PDB file of N, CA and C in Angstrom:
ATOM      1  N   MET A   1      79.682 115.277 -51.989  1.00  0.00           N
ATOM      2  CA  MET A   1      80.579 114.170 -52.201  1.00  0.00           C
ATOM      3  C   MET A   1      79.776 112.967 -52.692  1.00  0.00           C
ATOM      4  N   ASN A   2      80.400 112.154 -53.508  1.00  0.00           N
ATOM      5  CA  ASN A   2      79.725 111.055 -54.175  1.00  0.00           C
ATOM      6  C   ASN A   2      80.094 109.717 -53.536  1.00  0.00           C
ATOM      7  N   PHE A   3      79.083 108.867 -53.234  1.00  0.00           N
ATOM      8  CA  PHE A   3      79.296 107.533 -52.678  1.00  0.00           C
ATOM      9  C   PHE A   3      78.379 106.544 -53.398  1.00  0.00           C
ATOM     10  N   PRO A   4      78.804 106.048 -54.565  1.00  0.00           N
ATOM     11  CA  PRO A   4      77.935 105.132 -55.321  1.00  0.00           C
ATOM     12  C   PRO A   4      77.512 103.922 -54.484  1.00  0.00           C
ATOM     13  N   GLN A   5      76.210 103.604 -54.573  1.00  0.00           N
ATOM     14  CA  GLN A   5      75.644 102.500 -53.802  1.00  0.00           C
ATOM     15  C   GLN A   5      76.115 101.130 -54.307  1.00  0.00           C
ATOM     16  N   ASN A   6      76.572 101.050 -55.563  1.00  0.00           N
ATOM     17  CA  ASN A   6      76.964  99.752 -56.133  1.00  0.00           C
ATOM     18  C   ASN A   6      78.392  99.350 -55.758  1.00  0.00           C
ATOM     19  N   LEU A   7      79.069 100.159 -54.962  1.00  0.00           N
ATOM     20  CA  LEU A   7      80.438  99.862 -54.549  1.00  0.00           C
ATOM     21  C   LEU A   7      80.470  99.430 -53.094  1.00  0.00           C
ATOM     22  N   LYS A   8      81.574  98.779 -52.715  1.00  0.00           N
ATOM     23  CA  LYS A   8      81.856  98.495 -51.310  1.00  0.00           C
ATOM     24  C   LYS A   8      83.082  99.314 -50.941  1.00  0.00           C
ATOM     25  N   TYR A   9      83.225  99.626 -49.654  1.00  0.00           N
ATOM     26  CA  TYR A   9      84.245 100.557 -49.188  1.00  0.00           C
ATOM     27  C   TYR A   9      85.038  99.949 -48.034  1.00  0.00           C
ATOM     28  N   THR A  10      86.238 100.501 -47.803  1.00  0.00           N
ATOM     29  CA  THR A  10      87.071 100.043 -46.690  1.00  0.00           C
ATOM     30  C   THR A  10      87.305 101.175 -45.696  1.00  0.00           C
ATOM     31  N   ASN A  11      87.767 100.808 -44.518  1.00  0.00           N
ATOM     32  CA  ASN A  11      88.136 101.803 -43.505  1.00  0.00           C
ATOM     33  C   ASN A  11      89.326 102.639 -43.954  1.00  0.00           C
ATOM     34  N   GLU A  12      90.094 102.131 -44.918  1.00  0.00           N
ATOM     35  CA  GLU A  12      91.287 102.820 -45.428  1.00  0.00           C
ATOM     36  C   GLU A  12      90.968 103.711 -46.636  1.00  0.00           C
ATOM     37  N   HIS A  13      89.680 103.840 -46.981  1.00  0.00           N
ATOM     38  CA  HIS A  13      89.190 104.750 -48.014  1.00  0.00           C
ATOM     39  C   HIS A  13      89.421 104.256 -49.451  1.00  0.00           C
ATOM     40  N   GLU A  14      89.477 102.928 -49.621  1.00  0.00           N
ATOM     41  CA  GLU A  14      89.447 102.361 -50.965  1.00  0.00           C
ATOM     42  C   GLU A  14      88.022 101.902 -51.259  1.00  0.00           C
ATOM     43  N   TRP A  15      87.710 101.780 -52.543  1.00  0.00           N
ATOM     44  CA  TRP A  15      86.433 101.212 -52.966  1.00  0.00           C
ATOM     45  C   TRP A  15      86.735 100.016 -53.869  1.00  0.00           C
ATOM     46  N   ILE A  16      85.734  99.139 -54.021  1.00  0.00           N
ATOM     47  CA  ILE A  16      85.851  97.989 -54.905  1.00  0.00           C
ATOM     48  C   ILE A  16      84.521  97.782 -55.621  1.00  0.00           C
ATOM     49  N   ARG A  17      84.606  97.477 -56.919  1.00  0.00           N
ATOM     50  CA  ARG A  17      83.423  97.207 -57.750  1.00  0.00           C
ATOM     51  C   ARG A  17      83.656  95.879 -58.460  1.00  0.00           C
ATOM     52  N   VAL A  18      82.763  94.919 -58.233  1.00  0.00           N
ATOM     53  CA  VAL A  18      82.889  93.595 -58.834  1.00  0.00           C
ATOM     54  C   VAL A  18      82.130  93.556 -60.158  1.00  0.00           C
ATOM     55  N   GLU A  19      82.810  93.022 -61.174  1.00  0.00           N
ATOM     56  CA  GLU A  19      82.196  92.783 -62.487  1.00  0.00           C
ATOM     57  C   GLU A  19      82.545  91.358 -62.892  1.00  0.00           C
ATOM     58  N   GLY A  20      81.607  90.438 -62.670  1.00  0.00           N
ATOM     59  CA  GLY A  20      81.877  89.026 -62.925  1.00  0.00           C
ATOM     60  C   GLY A  20      82.852  88.494 -61.891  1.00  0.00           C
ATOM     61  N   ASP A  21      83.988  87.939 -62.350  1.00  0.00           N
ATOM     62  CA  ASP A  21      84.989  87.436 -61.402  1.00  0.00           C
ATOM     63  C   ASP A  21      86.188  88.370 -61.281  1.00  0.00           C
ATOM     64  N   ILE A  22      86.045  89.577 -61.820  1.00  0.00           N
ATOM     65  CA  ILE A  22      87.081  90.611 -61.756  1.00  0.00           C
ATOM     66  C   ILE A  22      86.540  91.781 -60.928  1.00  0.00           C
ATOM     67  N   ALA A  23      87.448  92.498 -60.277  1.00  0.00           N
ATOM     68  CA  ALA A  23      87.020  93.665 -59.502  1.00  0.00           C
ATOM     69  C   ALA A  23      87.953  94.837 -59.778  1.00  0.00           C
ATOM     70  N   TYR A  24      87.376  96.025 -59.804  1.00  0.00           N
ATOM     71  CA  TYR A  24      88.132  97.272 -59.922  1.00  0.00           C
ATOM     72  C   TYR A  24      88.303  97.839 -58.523  1.00  0.00           C
ATOM     73  N   VAL A  25      89.457  98.468 -58.280  1.00  0.00           N
ATOM     74  CA  VAL A  25      89.752  99.077 -56.981  1.00  0.00           C
ATOM     75  C   VAL A  25      90.251 100.495 -57.219  1.00  0.00           C
ATOM     76  N   GLY A  26      89.836 101.408 -56.353  1.00  0.00           N
ATOM     77  CA  GLY A  26      90.301 102.789 -56.413  1.00  0.00           C
ATOM     78  C   GLY A  26      90.199 103.420 -55.039  1.00  0.00           C
ATOM     79  N   ILE A  27      90.442 104.723 -54.977  1.00  0.00           N
ATOM     80  CA  ILE A  27      90.245 105.440 -53.716  1.00  0.00           C
ATOM     81  C   ILE A  27      88.952 106.244 -53.802  1.00  0.00           C
ATOM     82  N   THR A  28      88.386 106.519 -52.662  1.00  0.00           N
ATOM     83  CA  THR A  28      87.096 107.195 -52.611  1.00  0.00           C
ATOM     84  C   THR A  28      87.210 108.688 -52.924  1.00  0.00           C
ATOM     85  N   ASP A  29      86.073 109.262 -53.216  1.00  0.00           N
ATOM     86  CA  ASP A  29      85.984 110.702 -53.445  1.00  0.00           C
ATOM     87  C   ASP A  29      86.470 111.447 -52.202  1.00  0.00           C
ATOM     88  N   TYR A  30      86.089 110.956 -51.029  1.00  0.00           N
ATOM     89  CA  TYR A  30      86.545 111.552 -49.776  1.00  0.00           C
ATOM     90  C   TYR A  30      88.072 111.522 -49.690  1.00  0.00           C
ATOM     91  N   ALA A  31      88.679 110.373 -50.001  1.00  0.00           N
ATOM     92  CA  ALA A  31      90.141 110.232 -49.900  1.00  0.00           C
ATOM     93  C   ALA A  31      90.857 111.185 -50.849  1.00  0.00           C
ATOM     94  N   GLN A  32      90.400 111.261 -52.098  1.00  0.00           N
ATOM     95  CA  GLN A  32      91.089 112.143 -53.051  1.00  0.00           C
ATOM     96  C   GLN A  32      90.952 113.592 -52.631  1.00  0.00           C
ATOM     97  N   GLU A  33      89.808 113.940 -52.040  1.00  0.00           N
ATOM     98  CA  GLU A  33      89.617 115.320 -51.585  1.00  0.00           C
ATOM     99  C   GLU A  33      90.547 115.641 -50.411  1.00  0.00           C
ATOM    100  N   GLN A  34      90.696 114.683 -49.487  1.00  0.00           N
ATOM    101  CA  GLN A  34      91.573 114.884 -48.332  1.00  0.00           C
ATOM    102  C   GLN A  34      93.043 114.970 -48.745  1.00  0.00           C
ATOM    103  N   LEU A  35      93.431 114.168 -49.750  1.00  0.00           N
ATOM    104  CA  LEU A  35      94.821 114.156 -50.208  1.00  0.00           C
ATOM    105  C   LEU A  35      95.207 115.434 -50.937  1.00  0.00           C
ATOM    106  N   GLY A  36      94.315 115.933 -51.771  1.00  0.00           N
ATOM    107  CA  GLY A  36      94.638 117.094 -52.602  1.00  0.00           C
ATOM    108  C   GLY A  36      95.093 116.646 -53.977  1.00  0.00           C
ATOM    109  N   ASP A  37      95.837 117.481 -54.659  1.00  0.00           N
ATOM    110  CA  ASP A  37      96.236 117.214 -56.045  1.00  0.00           C
ATOM    111  C   ASP A  37      97.209 116.047 -56.139  1.00  0.00           C
ATOM    112  N   ILE A  38      96.756 114.988 -56.779  1.00  0.00           N
ATOM    113  CA  ILE A  38      97.570 113.784 -56.955  1.00  0.00           C
ATOM    114  C   ILE A  38      98.528 113.997 -58.116  1.00  0.00           C
ATOM    115  N   VAL A  39      99.821 113.759 -57.851  1.00  0.00           N
ATOM    116  CA  VAL A  39     100.842 114.004 -58.875  1.00  0.00           C
ATOM    117  C   VAL A  39     101.481 112.717 -59.395  1.00  0.00           C
ATOM    118  N   PHE A  40     101.291 111.591 -58.683  1.00  0.00           N
ATOM    119  CA  PHE A  40     101.900 110.339 -59.128  1.00  0.00           C
ATOM    120  C   PHE A  40     101.199 109.163 -58.463  1.00  0.00           C
ATOM    121  N   VAL A  41     100.968 108.105 -59.247  1.00  0.00           N
ATOM    122  CA  VAL A  41     100.410 106.860 -58.734  1.00  0.00           C
ATOM    123  C   VAL A  41     101.420 105.761 -59.025  1.00  0.00           C
ATOM    124  N   ASP A  42     101.807 105.018 -57.994  1.00  0.00           N
ATOM    125  CA  ASP A  42     102.807 103.959 -58.132  1.00  0.00           C
ATOM    126  C   ASP A  42     102.188 102.632 -57.703  1.00  0.00           C
ATOM    127  N   ILE A  43     101.924 101.765 -58.680  1.00  0.00           N
ATOM    128  CA  ILE A  43     101.372 100.436 -58.401  1.00  0.00           C
ATOM    129  C   ILE A  43     102.529  99.449 -58.490  1.00  0.00           C
ATOM    130  N   VAL A  44     102.808  98.761 -57.392  1.00  0.00           N
ATOM    131  CA  VAL A  44     103.984  97.883 -57.346  1.00  0.00           C
ATOM    132  C   VAL A  44     103.633  96.403 -57.399  1.00  0.00           C
ATOM    133  N   ALA A  45     102.362  96.063 -57.394  1.00  0.00           N
ATOM    134  CA  ALA A  45     101.989  94.670 -57.163  1.00  0.00           C
ATOM    135  C   ALA A  45     101.360  93.963 -58.361  1.00  0.00           C
ATOM    136  N   VAL A  46     101.471  94.474 -59.580  1.00  0.00           N
ATOM    137  CA  VAL A  46     100.855  93.804 -60.727  1.00  0.00           C
ATOM    138  C   VAL A  46     101.459  92.413 -60.872  1.00  0.00           C
ATOM    139  N   GLY A  47     100.581  91.414 -61.001  1.00  0.00           N
ATOM    140  CA  GLY A  47     101.014  90.030 -61.134  1.00  0.00           C
ATOM    141  C   GLY A  47     101.165  89.308 -59.812  1.00  0.00           C
ATOM    142  N   GLU A  48     101.073  90.020 -58.707  1.00  0.00           N
ATOM    143  CA  GLU A  48     101.232  89.409 -57.392  1.00  0.00           C
ATOM    144  C   GLU A  48      99.884  89.030 -56.792  1.00  0.00           C
ATOM    145  N   THR A  49      99.888  88.000 -55.963  1.00  0.00           N
ATOM    146  CA  THR A  49      98.721  87.628 -55.176  1.00  0.00           C
ATOM    147  C   THR A  49      98.961  88.140 -53.764  1.00  0.00           C
ATOM    148  N   LEU A  50      98.034  88.945 -53.290  1.00  0.00           N
ATOM    149  CA  LEU A  50      98.177  89.613 -51.991  1.00  0.00           C
ATOM    150  C   LEU A  50      97.013  89.272 -51.077  1.00  0.00           C
ATOM    151  N   ASN A  51      97.211  89.486 -49.791  1.00  0.00           N
ATOM    152  CA  ASN A  51      96.146  89.321 -48.812  1.00  0.00           C
ATOM    153  C   ASN A  51      95.393  90.638 -48.654  1.00  0.00           C
ATOM    154  N   ALA A  52      94.212  90.550 -48.083  1.00  0.00           N
ATOM    155  CA  ALA A  52      93.450  91.757 -47.770  1.00  0.00           C
ATOM    156  C   ALA A  52      94.295  92.654 -46.879  1.00  0.00           C
ATOM    157  N   ASN A  53      94.250  93.937 -47.126  1.00  0.00           N
ATOM    158  CA  ASN A  53      94.963  94.978 -46.386  1.00  0.00           C
ATOM    159  C   ASN A  53      96.457  95.057 -46.676  1.00  0.00           C
ATOM    160  N   ASP A  54      96.963  94.231 -47.613  1.00  0.00           N
ATOM    161  CA  ASP A  54      98.351  94.379 -48.041  1.00  0.00           C
ATOM    162  C   ASP A  54      98.491  95.639 -48.888  1.00  0.00           C
ATOM    163  N   VAL A  55      99.650  96.256 -48.871  1.00  0.00           N
ATOM    164  CA  VAL A  55      99.922  97.442 -49.681  1.00  0.00           C
ATOM    165  C   VAL A  55     100.145  97.016 -51.128  1.00  0.00           C
ATOM    166  N   PHE A  56      99.408  97.645 -52.063  1.00  0.00           N
ATOM    167  CA  PHE A  56      99.594  97.329 -53.479  1.00  0.00           C
ATOM    168  C   PHE A  56     100.214  98.482 -54.260  1.00  0.00           C
ATOM    169  N   GLY A  57     100.470  99.588 -53.599  1.00  0.00           N
ATOM    170  CA  GLY A  57     101.073 100.742 -54.261  1.00  0.00           C
ATOM    171  C   GLY A  57     100.954 101.967 -53.386  1.00  0.00           C
ATOM    172  N   SER A  58     101.173 103.123 -54.018  1.00  0.00           N
ATOM    173  CA  SER A  58     101.084 104.378 -53.271  1.00  0.00           C
ATOM    174  C   SER A  58     100.612 105.504 -54.183  1.00  0.00           C
ATOM    175  N   ILE A  59     100.113 106.533 -53.543  1.00  0.00           N
ATOM    176  CA  ILE A  59      99.680 107.752 -54.234  1.00  0.00           C
ATOM    177  C   ILE A  59     100.493 108.901 -53.667  1.00  0.00           C
ATOM    178  N   GLU A  60     101.050 109.700 -54.572  1.00  0.00           N
ATOM    179  CA  GLU A  60     101.865 110.831 -54.153  1.00  0.00           C
ATOM    180  C   GLU A  60     101.124 112.124 -54.449  1.00  0.00           C
ATOM    181  N   VAL A  61     101.094 112.982 -53.444  1.00  0.00           N
ATOM    182  CA  VAL A  61     100.572 114.328 -53.616  1.00  0.00           C
ATOM    183  C   VAL A  61     101.728 115.285 -53.356  1.00  0.00           C
ATOM    184  N   VAL A  62     101.481 116.557 -53.476  1.00  0.00           N
ATOM    185  CA  VAL A  62     102.563 117.529 -53.377  1.00  0.00           C
ATOM    186  C   VAL A  62     103.364 117.380 -52.086  1.00  0.00           C
ATOM    187  N   LYS A  63     102.700 117.126 -50.963  1.00  0.00           N
ATOM    188  CA  LYS A  63     103.401 117.146 -49.681  1.00  0.00           C
ATOM    189  C   LYS A  63     103.597 115.792 -49.016  1.00  0.00           C
ATOM    190  N   THR A  64     103.036 114.709 -49.570  1.00  0.00           N
ATOM    191  CA  THR A  64     103.120 113.421 -48.883  1.00  0.00           C
ATOM    192  C   THR A  64     102.900 112.261 -49.842  1.00  0.00           C
ATOM    193  N   VAL A  65     103.159 111.058 -49.351  1.00  0.00           N
ATOM    194  CA  VAL A  65     102.891 109.822 -50.079  1.00  0.00           C
ATOM    195  C   VAL A  65     102.016 108.949 -49.179  1.00  0.00           C
ATOM    196  N   SER A  66     100.958 108.379 -49.739  1.00  0.00           N
ATOM    197  CA  SER A  66     100.055 107.521 -48.974  1.00  0.00           C
ATOM    198  C   SER A  66     100.034 106.127 -49.579  1.00  0.00           C
ATOM    199  N   ASP A  67     100.064 105.107 -48.715  1.00  0.00           N
ATOM    200  CA  ASP A  67      99.965 103.726 -49.173  1.00  0.00           C
ATOM    201  C   ASP A  67      98.547 103.410 -49.610  1.00  0.00           C
ATOM    202  N   LEU A  68      98.440 102.445 -50.519  1.00  0.00           N
ATOM    203  CA  LEU A  68      97.162 101.929 -50.994  1.00  0.00           C
ATOM    204  C   LEU A  68      97.016 100.502 -50.486  1.00  0.00           C
ATOM    205  N   PHE A  69      95.848 100.171 -49.935  1.00  0.00           N
ATOM    206  CA  PHE A  69      95.628  98.865 -49.326  1.00  0.00           C
ATOM    207  C   PHE A  69      94.578  98.068 -50.090  1.00  0.00           C
ATOM    208  N   LEU A  70      94.875  96.792 -50.358  1.00  0.00           N
ATOM    209  CA  LEU A  70      93.962  95.930 -51.093  1.00  0.00           C
ATOM    210  C   LEU A  70      92.749  95.595 -50.225  1.00  0.00           C
ATOM    211  N   PRO A  71      91.531  95.815 -50.737  1.00  0.00           N
ATOM    212  CA  PRO A  71      90.324  95.568 -49.930  1.00  0.00           C
ATOM    213  C   PRO A  71      90.098  94.098 -49.581  1.00  0.00           C
ATOM    214  N   VAL A  72      90.402  93.194 -50.513  1.00  0.00           N
ATOM    215  CA  VAL A  72      90.220  91.758 -50.301  1.00  0.00           C
ATOM    216  C   VAL A  72      91.422  91.025 -50.892  1.00  0.00           C
ATOM    217  N   ALA A  73      91.640  89.807 -50.448  1.00  0.00           N
ATOM    218  CA  ALA A  73      92.732  88.997 -50.997  1.00  0.00           C
ATOM    219  C   ALA A  73      92.475  88.714 -52.469  1.00  0.00           C
ATOM    220  N   GLY A  74      93.560  88.697 -53.258  1.00  0.00           N
ATOM    221  CA  GLY A  74      93.408  88.382 -54.666  1.00  0.00           C
ATOM    222  C   GLY A  74      94.659  88.677 -55.458  1.00  0.00           C
ATOM    223  N   GLU A  75      94.580  88.389 -56.748  1.00  0.00           N
ATOM    224  CA  GLU A  75      95.697  88.624 -57.654  1.00  0.00           C
ATOM    225  C   GLU A  75      95.518  89.957 -58.364  1.00  0.00           C
ATOM    226  N   VAL A  76      96.552  90.776 -58.351  1.00  0.00           N
ATOM    227  CA  VAL A  76      96.517  92.061 -59.046  1.00  0.00           C
ATOM    228  C   VAL A  76      96.784  91.788 -60.527  1.00  0.00           C
ATOM    229  N   LEU A  77      95.773  92.011 -61.353  1.00  0.00           N
ATOM    230  CA  LEU A  77      95.850  91.681 -62.776  1.00  0.00           C
ATOM    231  C   LEU A  77      96.400  92.810 -63.633  1.00  0.00           C
ATOM    232  N   GLU A  78      96.020  94.031 -63.294  1.00  0.00           N
ATOM    233  CA  GLU A  78      96.323  95.155 -64.181  1.00  0.00           C
ATOM    234  C   GLU A  78      96.285  96.456 -63.399  1.00  0.00           C
ATOM    235  N   GLN A  79      97.104  97.406 -63.835  1.00  0.00           N
ATOM    236  CA  GLN A  79      97.007  98.754 -63.291  1.00  0.00           C
ATOM    237  C   GLN A  79      96.442  99.662 -64.371  1.00  0.00           C
ATOM    238  N   ASN A  80      95.896 100.774 -63.969  1.00  0.00           N
ATOM    239  CA  ASN A  80      95.340 101.745 -64.902  1.00  0.00           C
ATOM    240  C   ASN A  80      96.499 102.559 -65.481  1.00  0.00           C
ATOM    241  N   ASP A  81      96.977 102.145 -66.659  1.00  0.00           N
ATOM    242  CA  ASP A  81      98.139 102.793 -67.278  1.00  0.00           C
ATOM    243  C   ASP A  81      97.887 104.256 -67.642  1.00  0.00           C
ATOM    244  N   THR A  82      96.638 104.637 -67.793  1.00  0.00           N
ATOM    245  CA  THR A  82      96.300 106.023 -68.120  1.00  0.00           C
ATOM    246  C   THR A  82      96.795 106.978 -67.037  1.00  0.00           C
ATOM    247  N   LEU A  83      96.884 106.479 -65.793  1.00  0.00           N
ATOM    248  CA  LEU A  83      97.279 107.332 -64.677  1.00  0.00           C
ATOM    249  C   LEU A  83      98.746 107.718 -64.713  1.00  0.00           C
ATOM    250  N   GLU A  84      99.546 106.975 -65.505  1.00  0.00           N
ATOM    251  CA  GLU A  84     100.972 107.303 -65.599  1.00  0.00           C
ATOM    252  C   GLU A  84     101.172 108.731 -66.105  1.00  0.00           C
ATOM    253  N   ASP A  85     100.422 109.097 -67.133  1.00  0.00           N
ATOM    254  CA  ASP A  85     100.519 110.445 -67.693  1.00  0.00           C
ATOM    255  C   ASP A  85      99.454 111.396 -67.155  1.00  0.00           C
ATOM    256  N   ASN A  86      98.403 110.838 -66.542  1.00  0.00           N
ATOM    257  CA  ASN A  86      97.279 111.655 -66.075  1.00  0.00           C
ATOM    258  C   ASN A  86      96.845 111.262 -64.657  1.00  0.00           C
ATOM    259  N   PRO A  87      97.717 111.393 -63.651  1.00  0.00           N
ATOM    260  CA  PRO A  87      97.328 110.992 -62.295  1.00  0.00           C
ATOM    261  C   PRO A  87      96.164 111.809 -61.740  1.00  0.00           C
ATOM    262  N   GLU A  88      95.955 112.981 -62.314  1.00  0.00           N
ATOM    263  CA  GLU A  88      94.860 113.844 -61.846  1.00  0.00           C
ATOM    264  C   GLU A  88      93.482 113.237 -62.096  1.00  0.00           C
ATOM    265  N   LEU A  89      93.400 112.186 -62.927  1.00  0.00           N
ATOM    266  CA  LEU A  89      92.118 111.501 -63.146  1.00  0.00           C
ATOM    267  C   LEU A  89      91.567 110.929 -61.844  1.00  0.00           C
ATOM    268  N   VAL A  90      92.446 110.584 -60.910  1.00  0.00           N
ATOM    269  CA  VAL A  90      91.982 110.086 -59.618  1.00  0.00           C
ATOM    270  C   VAL A  90      91.222 111.189 -58.888  1.00  0.00           C
ATOM    271  N   ASN A  91      91.665 112.432 -59.007  1.00  0.00           N
ATOM    272  CA  ASN A  91      90.943 113.562 -58.411  1.00  0.00           C
ATOM    273  C   ASN A  91      89.655 113.861 -59.177  1.00  0.00           C
ATOM    274  N   GLN A  92      89.730 113.817 -60.495  1.00  0.00           N
ATOM    275  CA  GLN A  92      88.602 114.235 -61.329  1.00  0.00           C
ATOM    276  C   GLN A  92      87.487 113.202 -61.399  1.00  0.00           C
ATOM    277  N   ASP A  93      87.832 111.910 -61.407  1.00  0.00           N
ATOM    278  CA  ASP A  93      86.847 110.843 -61.616  1.00  0.00           C
ATOM    279  C   ASP A  93      87.261 109.593 -60.835  1.00  0.00           C
ATOM    280  N   PRO A  94      87.234 109.657 -59.486  1.00  0.00           N
ATOM    281  CA  PRO A  94      87.765 108.555 -58.688  1.00  0.00           C
ATOM    282  C   PRO A  94      87.042 107.222 -58.874  1.00  0.00           C
ATOM    283  N   TYR A  95      85.768 107.251 -59.272  1.00  0.00           N
ATOM    284  CA  TYR A  95      85.000 106.013 -59.422  1.00  0.00           C
ATOM    285  C   TYR A  95      84.910 105.543 -60.871  1.00  0.00           C
ATOM    286  N   GLY A  96      85.469 106.313 -61.779  1.00  0.00           N
ATOM    287  CA  GLY A  96      85.404 105.972 -63.199  1.00  0.00           C
ATOM    288  C   GLY A  96      86.793 105.844 -63.782  1.00  0.00           C
ATOM    289  N   LYS A  97      87.205 106.841 -64.556  1.00  0.00           N
ATOM    290  CA  LYS A  97      88.502 106.807 -65.237  1.00  0.00           C
ATOM    291  C   LYS A  97      89.684 106.807 -64.273  1.00  0.00           C
ATOM    292  N   GLY A  98      89.451 107.143 -63.013  1.00  0.00           N
ATOM    293  CA  GLY A  98      90.520 107.179 -62.026  1.00  0.00           C
ATOM    294  C   GLY A  98      90.703 105.897 -61.228  1.00  0.00           C
ATOM    295  N   TRP A  99      90.126 104.772 -61.702  1.00  0.00           N
ATOM    296  CA  TRP A  99      90.350 103.490 -61.007  1.00  0.00           C
ATOM    297  C   TRP A  99      91.844 103.179 -60.993  1.00  0.00           C
ATOM    298  N   LEU A 100      92.293 102.406 -60.022  1.00  0.00           N
ATOM    299  CA  LEU A 100      93.720 102.138 -59.852  1.00  0.00           C
ATOM    300  C   LEU A 100      94.155 100.778 -60.398  1.00  0.00           C
ATOM    301  N   ILE A 101      93.467  99.715 -59.957  1.00  0.00           N
ATOM    302  CA  ILE A 101      93.853  98.367 -60.377  1.00  0.00           C
ATOM    303  C   ILE A 101      92.628  97.499 -60.641  1.00  0.00           C
ATOM    304  N   LYS A 102      92.863  96.416 -61.412  1.00  0.00           N
ATOM    305  CA  LYS A 102      91.899  95.329 -61.562  1.00  0.00           C
ATOM    306  C   LYS A 102      92.479  94.130 -60.832  1.00  0.00           C
ATOM    307  N   ILE A 103      91.632  93.436 -60.080  1.00  0.00           N
ATOM    308  CA  ILE A 103      92.079  92.251 -59.366  1.00  0.00           C
ATOM    309  C   ILE A 103      91.146  91.075 -59.642  1.00  0.00           C
ATOM    310  N   LYS A 104      91.655  89.898 -59.392  1.00  0.00           N
ATOM    311  CA  LYS A 104      90.834  88.689 -59.360  1.00  0.00           C
ATOM    312  C   LYS A 104      90.747  88.289 -57.897  1.00  0.00           C
ATOM    313  N   PRO A 105      89.617  88.602 -57.236  1.00  0.00           N
ATOM    314  CA  PRO A 105      89.492  88.286 -55.811  1.00  0.00           C
ATOM    315  C   PRO A 105      89.602  86.781 -55.556  1.00  0.00           C
ATOM    316  N   ALA A 106      90.254  86.414 -54.467  1.00  0.00           N
ATOM    317  CA  ALA A 106      90.368  85.010 -54.079  1.00  0.00           C
ATOM    318  C   ALA A 106      88.982  84.446 -53.770  1.00  0.00           C
ATOM    319  N   ALA A 107      88.128  85.253 -53.161  1.00  0.00           N
ATOM    320  CA  ALA A 107      86.752  84.850 -52.843  1.00  0.00           C
ATOM    321  C   ALA A 107      85.851  86.072 -52.993  1.00  0.00           C
ATOM    322  N   ILE A 108      85.011  86.046 -54.018  1.00  0.00           N
ATOM    323  CA  ILE A 108      84.100  87.172 -54.270  1.00  0.00           C
ATOM    324  C   ILE A 108      83.257  87.475 -53.027  1.00  0.00           C
ATOM    325  N   ALA A 109      82.914  86.443 -52.265  1.00  0.00           N
ATOM    326  CA  ALA A 109      82.083  86.635 -51.069  1.00  0.00           C
ATOM    327  C   ALA A 109      82.744  87.579 -50.059  1.00  0.00           C
ATOM    328  N   ASP A 110      84.083  87.668 -50.058  1.00  0.00           N
ATOM    329  CA  ASP A 110      84.777  88.566 -49.126  1.00  0.00           C
ATOM    330  C   ASP A 110      84.378  90.024 -49.343  1.00  0.00           C
ATOM    331  N   VAL A 111      84.010  90.368 -50.566  1.00  0.00           N
ATOM    332  CA  VAL A 111      83.615  91.747 -50.881  1.00  0.00           C
ATOM    333  C   VAL A 111      82.384  92.129 -50.072  1.00  0.00           C
ATOM    334  N   GLU A 112      81.473  91.172 -49.865  1.00  0.00           N
ATOM    335  CA  GLU A 112      80.235  91.462 -49.139  1.00  0.00           C
ATOM    336  C   GLU A 112      80.500  91.876 -47.690  1.00  0.00           C
ATOM    337  N   GLY A 113      81.646  91.504 -47.140  1.00  0.00           N
ATOM    338  CA  GLY A 113      81.972  91.864 -45.770  1.00  0.00           C
ATOM    339  C   GLY A 113      82.490  93.287 -45.602  1.00  0.00           C
ATOM    340  N   LEU A 114      82.674  93.997 -46.715  1.00  0.00           N
ATOM    341  CA  LEU A 114      83.163  95.380 -46.666  1.00  0.00           C
ATOM    342  C   LEU A 114      82.011  96.339 -46.372  1.00  0.00           C
ATOM    343  N   LEU A 115      82.329  97.604 -46.232  1.00  0.00           N
ATOM    344  CA  LEU A 115      81.335  98.621 -45.875  1.00  0.00           C
ATOM    345  C   LEU A 115      80.416  98.967 -47.037  1.00  0.00           C
ATOM    346  N   SER A 116      79.140  99.154 -46.727  1.00  0.00           N
ATOM    347  CA  SER A 116      78.200  99.700 -47.708  1.00  0.00           C
ATOM    348  C   SER A 116      78.456 101.202 -47.827  1.00  0.00           C
ATOM    349  N   ALA A 117      77.834 101.833 -48.813  1.00  0.00           N
ATOM    350  CA  ALA A 117      77.979 103.284 -48.968  1.00  0.00           C
ATOM    351  C   ALA A 117      77.512 104.007 -47.706  1.00  0.00           C
ATOM    352  N   ASP A 118      76.400 103.569 -47.130  1.00  0.00           N
ATOM    353  CA  ASP A 118      75.883 104.227 -45.925  1.00  0.00           C
ATOM    354  C   ASP A 118      76.819 104.036 -44.735  1.00  0.00           C
ATOM    355  N   ALA A 119      77.385 102.837 -44.591  1.00  0.00           N
ATOM    356  CA  ALA A 119      78.319 102.586 -43.487  1.00  0.00           C
ATOM    357  C   ALA A 119      79.593 103.410 -43.672  1.00  0.00           C
ATOM    358  N   TYR A 120      80.043 103.552 -44.916  1.00  0.00           N
ATOM    359  CA  TYR A 120      81.239 104.359 -45.175  1.00  0.00           C
ATOM    360  C   TYR A 120      80.965 105.831 -44.860  1.00  0.00           C
ATOM    361  N   LYS A 121      79.808 106.330 -45.251  1.00  0.00           N
ATOM    362  CA  LYS A 121      79.449 107.714 -44.939  1.00  0.00           C
ATOM    363  C   LYS A 121      79.450 107.945 -43.435  1.00  0.00           C
ATOM    364  N   ALA A 122      78.937 106.978 -42.685  1.00  0.00           N
ATOM    365  CA  ALA A 122      78.931 107.090 -41.222  1.00  0.00           C
ATOM    366  C   ALA A 122      80.359 107.098 -40.689  1.00  0.00           C
ATOM    367  N   LEU A 123      81.236 106.306 -41.273  1.00  0.00           N
ATOM    368  CA  LEU A 123      82.632 106.236 -40.851  1.00  0.00           C
ATOM    369  C   LEU A 123      83.326 107.597 -40.960  1.00  0.00           C
ATOM    370  N   ILE A 124      83.051 108.310 -42.039  1.00  0.00           N
ATOM    371  CA  ILE A 124      83.705 109.609 -42.253  1.00  0.00           C
ATOM    372  C   ILE A 124      82.837 110.787 -41.791  1.00  0.00           C
ATOM    373  N   ASN A 125      81.736 110.462 -41.124  1.00  0.00           N
ATOM    374  CA  ASN A 125      80.818 111.471 -40.592  1.00  0.00           C
ATOM    375  C   ASN A 125      80.256 112.372 -41.670  1.00  0.00           C
ATOM    376  N   GLU A 126      79.918 111.801 -42.801  1.00  0.00           N
ATOM    377  CA  GLU A 126      79.369 112.577 -43.930  1.00  0.00           C
ATOM    378  C   GLU A 126      77.857 112.669 -43.811  1.00  0.00           C
TER     379      GLU A 126
END
């Protein structure tokens, strides 16, 4: 399983990658593996400003639907439109082409309070 060191992680199995004043958010390799084949991604919060841990959408697999939680407070700028026709990209490339949303964090410093790759691995007993 892959846990890039340049990302921060949450207890809810999302990751965040900061690039300047924008951040990408997705689900971890562990989360996509636990969920199974993703058949639909529903992002409901584009254009909204949300608090940390607010639901920004959901992921649907064959047998269930799981909520997606925002790692830090911020404005949801964009969703990954490629996932509309290719939700399986989240399974195939969760840290690359399978990203879910771009956000403008309210405070970039909040990202530093999230889990490191090593802390996330310990959380899931990897």
